[in-house]
């Protein structure tokens, strides 16, 4: 479903991704862990075309992300191609990014109406189904300011699902929440993982959730994949010294694995 082929990303003299190659299978649930600044979130932002790349190629669902065919050769993608590719991917951000002046229902219906030309009636029907799925149907007419952080994040998940993406990206979606609100968001994500065939990439510091959620865990450091494997292998018997050190610090900080 996703293929990264020797992806390089730099910010000035800083190399954030260093010739990174990665294949993600259809329906796979992937957890990306590692220290801050190791390149995890950059991967998600690149897949959403919020960032460009300095080298390599990316395929999403069999199509090039940043290139398109023209005249028998591949050329840089135009905005129309990028927009088509974005429709395959949904992303839930750390800080919700809801429109504060619009109701919960309007936040969820806006993208399908604008990008896919759905009628209001159709978009609202689907939005109410999604809000019900994330336990937020009773807040459809509320504004974001009237919601808790956990409620805002659940609305953000419903909004991302409204475009029926093939791929869902979650970027530290619980890190801005009070501890007692984390579980309600993780429960929604666990249900999505269990009940849908979407391909999912999760960047998180919630190691216990990564263990329960993921088919495969990737440990990143300095723009490279240092170690990867099944959750029980990575969390119970990490082989690389850098992974062992990282997990020891996570445990010492009181996090559950």
Protein backbone atom coordinates (compact mmCIF):
# COMPACT_ATOMS: atom_id res chain seq x y z
CA UNK A 1 0.00 0.00 0.00
CA UNK A 2 2.91 2.36 0.75
CA UNK A 3 6.46 2.11 -0.58
CA UNK A 4 9.21 4.50 0.44
CA UNK A 5 12.31 4.04 -1.71
CA UNK A 6 15.50 5.67 -0.38
CA UNK A 7 13.73 8.78 0.89
CA UNK A 8 15.93 11.67 1.96
CA UNK A 9 14.60 14.74 3.71
CA UNK A 10 16.75 17.65 4.87
CA UNK A 11 16.13 20.90 6.70
CA UNK A 12 19.19 22.92 5.83
CA UNK A 13 22.24 21.02 7.07
CA UNK A 14 20.08 18.65 9.16
CA UNK A 15 19.22 15.31 7.54
CA UNK A 16 15.90 14.16 9.05
CA UNK A 17 15.40 11.07 6.87
CA UNK A 18 18.51 9.33 5.57
CA UNK A 19 17.78 7.21 2.46
CA UNK A 20 14.84 5.56 4.23
CA UNK A 21 13.19 2.57 2.56
CA UNK A 22 9.98 1.04 3.89
CA UNK A 23 7.11 -1.11 2.58
CA UNK A 24 3.72 -1.10 4.30
CA UNK A 25 1.28 -3.85 3.35
CA UNK A 26 -2.45 -3.27 2.70
CA UNK A 27 -4.34 -3.33 5.99
CA UNK A 28 -1.17 -3.37 8.07
CA UNK A 29 -1.15 -1.52 11.40
CA UNK A 30 2.29 0.02 11.90
CA UNK A 31 3.61 1.75 15.04
CA UNK A 32 6.54 4.16 14.69
CA UNK A 33 8.45 4.72 17.92
CA UNK A 34 11.70 6.43 18.85
CA UNK A 35 13.09 9.61 20.38
CA UNK A 36 11.81 13.05 19.42
CA UNK A 37 13.43 14.32 16.24
CA UNK A 38 14.09 10.85 14.82
CA UNK A 39 11.96 11.45 11.72
CA UNK A 40 8.72 9.68 12.62
CA UNK A 41 6.32 12.60 12.22
CA UNK A 42 8.18 13.77 9.11
CA UNK A 43 7.19 10.52 7.39
CA UNK A 44 3.51 11.20 8.08
CA UNK A 45 3.78 14.81 6.93
CA UNK A 46 5.47 13.71 3.70
CA UNK A 47 2.72 11.15 3.01
CA UNK A 48 0.16 13.94 3.47
CA UNK A 49 2.23 16.11 1.05
CA UNK A 50 2.65 18.70 3.81
CA UNK A 51 6.39 18.31 3.22
CA UNK A 52 8.35 17.55 0.06
CA UNK A 53 11.31 15.19 -0.27
CA UNK A 54 14.91 15.80 -1.32
CA UNK A 55 15.53 12.38 -2.80
CA UNK A 56 13.89 9.03 -3.51
CA UNK A 57 10.43 7.94 -4.62
CA UNK A 58 7.15 7.21 -2.85
CA UNK A 59 4.30 5.01 -4.07
CA UNK A 60 0.87 5.05 -2.47
CA UNK A 61 -1.69 2.45 -3.56
CA UNK A 62 0.32 1.73 -6.72
CA UNK A 63 0.77 5.36 -7.81
CA UNK A 64 3.70 7.71 -7.45
CA UNK A 65 3.01 10.38 -4.83
CA UNK A 66 5.23 13.25 -5.96
CA UNK A 67 5.55 12.26 -9.64
CA UNK A 68 3.08 11.58 -12.46
CA UNK A 69 3.32 10.14 -15.99
CA UNK A 70 3.40 12.57 -18.91
CA UNK A 71 4.62 11.95 -22.44
CA UNK A 72 6.02 8.54 -21.57
CA UNK A 73 8.10 9.74 -18.62
CA UNK A 74 7.65 10.65 -14.96
CA UNK A 75 7.47 14.36 -14.18
CA UNK A 76 6.89 16.27 -10.91
CA UNK A 77 3.26 15.99 -9.82
CA UNK A 78 0.91 18.91 -10.38
CA UNK A 79 -1.63 20.08 -7.78
CA UNK A 80 -4.43 18.04 -9.35
CA UNK A 81 -2.44 14.82 -8.99
CA UNK A 82 -1.47 15.68 -5.39
CA UNK A 83 -5.10 16.37 -4.50
CA UNK A 84 -6.16 13.01 -5.93
CA UNK A 85 -3.47 11.27 -3.88
CA UNK A 86 -4.43 13.14 -0.70
CA UNK A 87 -7.93 11.69 -0.94
CA UNK A 88 -6.46 8.24 -0.28
CA UNK A 89 -4.99 9.35 3.06
CA UNK A 90 -6.48 10.72 6.28
CA UNK A 91 -4.45 12.21 9.13
CA UNK A 92 -5.25 12.96 12.75
CA UNK A 93 -2.97 15.57 14.26
CA UNK A 94 -1.66 16.08 17.78
CA UNK A 95 -3.58 19.35 18.29
CA UNK A 96 -6.97 18.48 16.69
CA UNK A 97 -6.98 21.37 14.14
CA UNK A 98 -10.77 21.73 14.26
CA UNK A 99 -12.42 24.89 12.92
CA UNK A 100 -13.39 26.73 16.14
CA UNK A 101 -16.24 28.75 14.61
CA UNK A 102 -18.01 25.69 13.12
CA UNK A 103 -20.09 23.03 14.83
CA UNK A 104 -18.87 19.47 15.29
CA UNK A 105 -21.17 18.36 12.46
CA UNK A 106 -19.88 21.08 10.12
CA UNK A 107 -16.27 20.14 10.91
CA UNK A 108 -16.94 16.58 9.76
CA UNK A 109 -19.03 17.41 6.68
CA UNK A 110 -16.92 20.22 5.24
CA UNK A 111 -14.21 18.17 3.48
CA UNK A 112 -16.54 15.69 1.69
CA UNK A 113 -18.68 18.57 0.43
CA UNK A 114 -15.73 20.66 -0.76
CA UNK A 115 -13.39 18.00 -2.16
CA UNK A 116 -15.83 15.31 -3.34
CA UNK A 117 -18.88 17.44 -4.13
CA UNK A 118 -21.14 15.49 -1.78
CA UNK A 119 -24.55 16.94 -1.05
CA UNK A 120 -25.12 18.31 2.43
CA UNK A 121 -27.70 15.61 3.15
CA UNK A 122 -25.33 12.80 2.15
CA UNK A 123 -22.37 14.30 4.01
CA UNK A 124 -24.43 14.87 7.18
CA UNK A 125 -25.80 11.31 7.13
CA UNK A 126 -22.29 9.88 6.93
CA UNK A 127 -20.97 12.37 9.50
CA UNK A 128 -23.63 11.38 12.04
CA UNK A 129 -22.76 7.70 11.53
CA UNK A 130 -19.08 8.46 12.15
CA UNK A 131 -19.80 10.65 15.17
CA UNK A 132 -21.89 7.82 16.59
CA UNK A 133 -19.01 5.41 16.01
CA UNK A 134 -16.61 7.62 18.01
CA UNK A 135 -19.22 8.29 20.71
CA UNK A 136 -19.80 11.94 19.80
CA UNK A 137 -23.23 12.01 18.13
CA UNK A 138 -24.74 13.87 21.09
CA UNK A 139 -22.27 16.74 20.50
CA UNK A 140 -23.05 17.24 16.79
CA UNK A 141 -24.26 20.82 17.31
CA UNK A 142 -21.58 21.82 19.83
CA UNK A 143 -18.59 24.03 19.03
CA UNK A 144 -15.04 22.76 19.68
CA UNK A 145 -14.64 25.20 22.61
CA UNK A 146 -17.40 23.30 24.42
CA UNK A 147 -15.54 19.97 24.19
CA UNK A 148 -12.82 18.32 26.25
CA UNK A 149 -9.50 17.47 24.60
CA UNK A 150 -10.47 13.82 24.27
CA UNK A 151 -13.79 14.76 22.67
CA UNK A 152 -12.03 17.09 20.20
CA UNK A 153 -9.66 14.30 19.21
CA UNK A 154 -12.53 11.88 18.64
CA UNK A 155 -14.20 14.48 16.39
CA UNK A 156 -10.89 14.86 14.54
CA UNK A 157 -10.84 11.10 13.95
CA UNK A 158 -14.40 11.20 12.59
CA UNK A 159 -13.45 14.10 10.33
CA UNK A 160 -10.48 12.17 8.89
CA UNK A 161 -12.71 9.13 8.28
CA UNK A 162 -15.33 11.22 6.46
CA UNK A 163 -13.29 11.11 3.24
CA UNK A 164 -13.18 7.28 3.38
CA UNK A 165 -9.37 7.09 3.15
CA UNK A 166 -7.49 3.90 2.33
CA UNK A 167 -4.74 4.93 4.77
CA UNK A 168 -4.98 6.60 8.20
CA UNK A 169 -2.08 8.42 9.85
CA UNK A 170 -2.07 9.20 13.59
CA UNK A 171 0.52 11.67 14.87
CA UNK A 172 0.93 11.58 18.66
CA UNK A 173 -2.84 11.92 18.96
CA UNK A 174 -2.87 11.54 22.74
CA UNK A 175 0.18 13.60 23.70
CA UNK A 176 -1.78 16.85 24.14
CA UNK A 177 -4.44 15.19 26.33
CA UNK A 178 -4.78 14.97 30.08
CA UNK A 179 -3.97 11.40 31.21
CA UNK A 180 -7.58 10.57 32.12
CA UNK A 181 -8.71 11.46 28.56
CA UNK A 182 -6.15 9.29 26.76
CA UNK A 183 -8.03 6.02 27.11
CA UNK A 184 -11.21 7.23 25.40
CA UNK A 185 -9.23 8.15 22.27
CA UNK A 186 -7.17 4.95 22.30
CA UNK A 187 -10.38 2.91 22.57
CA UNK A 188 -11.69 4.51 19.37
CA UNK A 189 -8.42 3.80 17.56
CA UNK A 190 -8.39 0.21 18.81
CA UNK A 191 -11.90 -0.25 17.44
CA UNK A 192 -10.83 1.17 14.07
CA UNK A 193 -7.86 -1.19 13.94
CA UNK A 194 -10.07 -4.14 14.84
CA UNK A 195 -13.08 -3.42 12.62
CA UNK A 196 -11.63 -1.90 9.43
CA UNK A 197 -9.16 -2.98 6.78
CA UNK A 198 -7.54 0.46 6.55
CA UNK A 199 -3.78 0.66 6.52
CA UNK A 200 -2.72 2.62 9.62
CA UNK A 201 0.50 4.32 10.66
CA UNK A 202 0.77 5.44 14.27
CA UNK A 203 3.45 7.68 15.77
CA UNK A 204 3.21 7.39 19.54
CA UNK A 205 4.94 7.41 22.90
CA UNK A 206 2.15 5.20 24.32
CA UNK A 207 4.16 1.98 24.25
CA UNK A 208 1.42 -0.14 25.80
CA UNK A 209 -1.00 0.93 23.10
CA UNK A 210 1.59 0.42 20.36
CA UNK A 211 2.07 -3.13 21.67
CA UNK A 212 -1.66 -3.88 21.51
CA UNK A 213 -2.40 -1.98 18.29
CA UNK A 214 0.39 -2.80 15.87
CA UNK A 215 1.15 -5.70 13.58
CA UNK A 216 4.71 -4.36 13.32
CA UNK A 217 6.76 -1.86 15.32
CA UNK A 218 9.57 0.25 13.84
CA UNK A 219 12.13 1.92 16.09
CA UNK A 220 13.60 5.08 14.55
CA UNK A 221 16.73 6.98 15.42
CA UNK A 222 18.40 9.78 13.44
CA UNK A 223 16.29 9.30 10.33
CA UNK A 224 16.84 5.55 10.02
CA UNK A 225 14.98 2.40 11.02
CA UNK A 226 17.24 0.86 13.67
CA UNK A 227 15.06 -2.15 14.46
CA UNK A 228 11.69 -3.57 13.40
CA UNK A 229 9.59 -6.58 14.25
CA UNK A 230 6.47 -7.86 15.92
CA UNK A 231 5.45 -5.90 19.05
CA UNK A 232 6.26 -8.74 21.43
CA UNK A 233 9.76 -9.07 19.95
CA UNK A 234 10.56 -5.34 19.98
CA UNK A 235 9.18 -4.70 23.47
CA UNK A 236 10.28 -7.94 25.13
CA UNK A 237 13.53 -8.85 23.37
CA UNK A 238 14.94 -5.83 21.52
CA UNK A 239 18.26 -6.76 19.93
CA UNK A 240 19.75 -3.35 19.18
CA UNK A 241 21.44 -1.50 22.03
CA UNK A 242 19.83 1.81 20.98
CA UNK A 243 16.33 0.27 21.20
CA UNK A 244 17.14 -1.25 24.60
CA UNK A 245 18.29 2.12 25.96
CA UNK A 246 15.20 3.91 24.64
CA UNK A 247 12.78 1.37 26.17
CA UNK A 248 14.62 1.42 29.51
CA UNK A 249 14.13 5.20 29.67
CA UNK A 250 10.44 4.84 28.74
CA UNK A 251 9.94 2.34 31.58
CA UNK A 252 11.89 4.53 34.01
CA UNK A 253 9.53 7.41 33.16
CA UNK A 254 6.61 5.29 34.33
CA UNK A 255 5.16 4.30 30.98
CA UNK A 256 3.53 0.88 30.57
CA UNK A 257 4.70 -1.57 27.93
